[in-house]
């Protein structure tokens, strides 16, 4: 696996923090209009907040 760089770091959909360095990083994968979409979250708390 390649190391992440700031250029390819994702932001949390809830709080906007960079998720690359988070040990609690979560990703939700979905297919929307035939395209794969990845929703990134820095923690389980942000994921739960987004789900509710």
Protein backbone atom coordinates (compact mmCIF):
# COMPACT_ATOMS: atom_id res chain seq x y z
CA UNK A 1 0.00 0.00 0.00
CA UNK A 2 1.31 3.44 -0.91
CA UNK A 3 1.69 6.23 1.62
CA UNK A 4 -0.91 8.99 1.55
CA UNK A 5 0.03 12.54 0.72
CA UNK A 6 -1.76 15.77 1.52
CA UNK A 7 -2.79 15.99 -2.13
CA UNK A 8 -4.88 12.80 -1.92
CA UNK A 9 -6.13 13.26 1.65
CA UNK A 10 -9.88 13.29 2.06
CA UNK A 11 -11.91 15.55 4.31
CA UNK A 12 -14.55 14.40 6.78
CA UNK A 13 -18.03 15.05 5.35
CA UNK A 14 -19.22 16.26 8.76
CA UNK A 15 -16.45 18.36 10.34
CA UNK A 16 -14.04 18.94 7.43
CA UNK A 17 -10.97 17.55 9.23
CA UNK A 18 -8.42 15.63 7.15
CA UNK A 19 -9.07 11.92 7.66
CA UNK A 20 -5.75 10.50 6.40
CA UNK A 21 -4.07 10.55 9.79
CA UNK A 22 -7.08 9.48 11.82
CA UNK A 23 -6.91 6.06 13.48
CA UNK A 24 -10.73 6.03 13.57
CA UNK A 25 -11.18 6.76 9.85
CA UNK A 26 -14.43 5.44 8.32
CA UNK A 27 -15.59 5.20 4.69
CA UNK A 28 -19.08 4.60 3.34
CA UNK A 29 -19.15 3.33 -0.25
CA UNK A 30 -22.23 3.68 -2.42
CA UNK A 31 -23.22 3.59 -6.09
CA UNK A 32 -24.98 6.75 -7.27
CA UNK A 33 -26.02 7.14 -10.91
CA UNK A 34 -23.75 4.25 -11.90
CA UNK A 35 -20.67 5.82 -10.24
CA UNK A 36 -18.89 4.64 -7.10
CA UNK A 37 -18.99 7.32 -4.41
CA UNK A 38 -16.86 7.30 -1.26
CA UNK A 39 -17.97 9.28 1.79
CA UNK A 40 -15.14 9.82 4.28
CA UNK A 41 -15.45 10.37 8.02
CA UNK A 42 -12.72 11.06 10.60
CA UNK A 43 -14.45 9.04 13.34
CA UNK A 44 -17.36 6.83 14.20
CA UNK A 45 -18.96 9.83 15.94
CA UNK A 46 -18.96 11.88 12.71
CA UNK A 47 -20.32 8.89 10.78
CA UNK A 48 -23.14 8.47 13.31
CA UNK A 49 -23.89 12.20 13.17
CA UNK A 50 -24.13 12.05 9.35
CA UNK A 51 -26.40 8.97 9.48
CA UNK A 52 -28.91 10.63 11.82
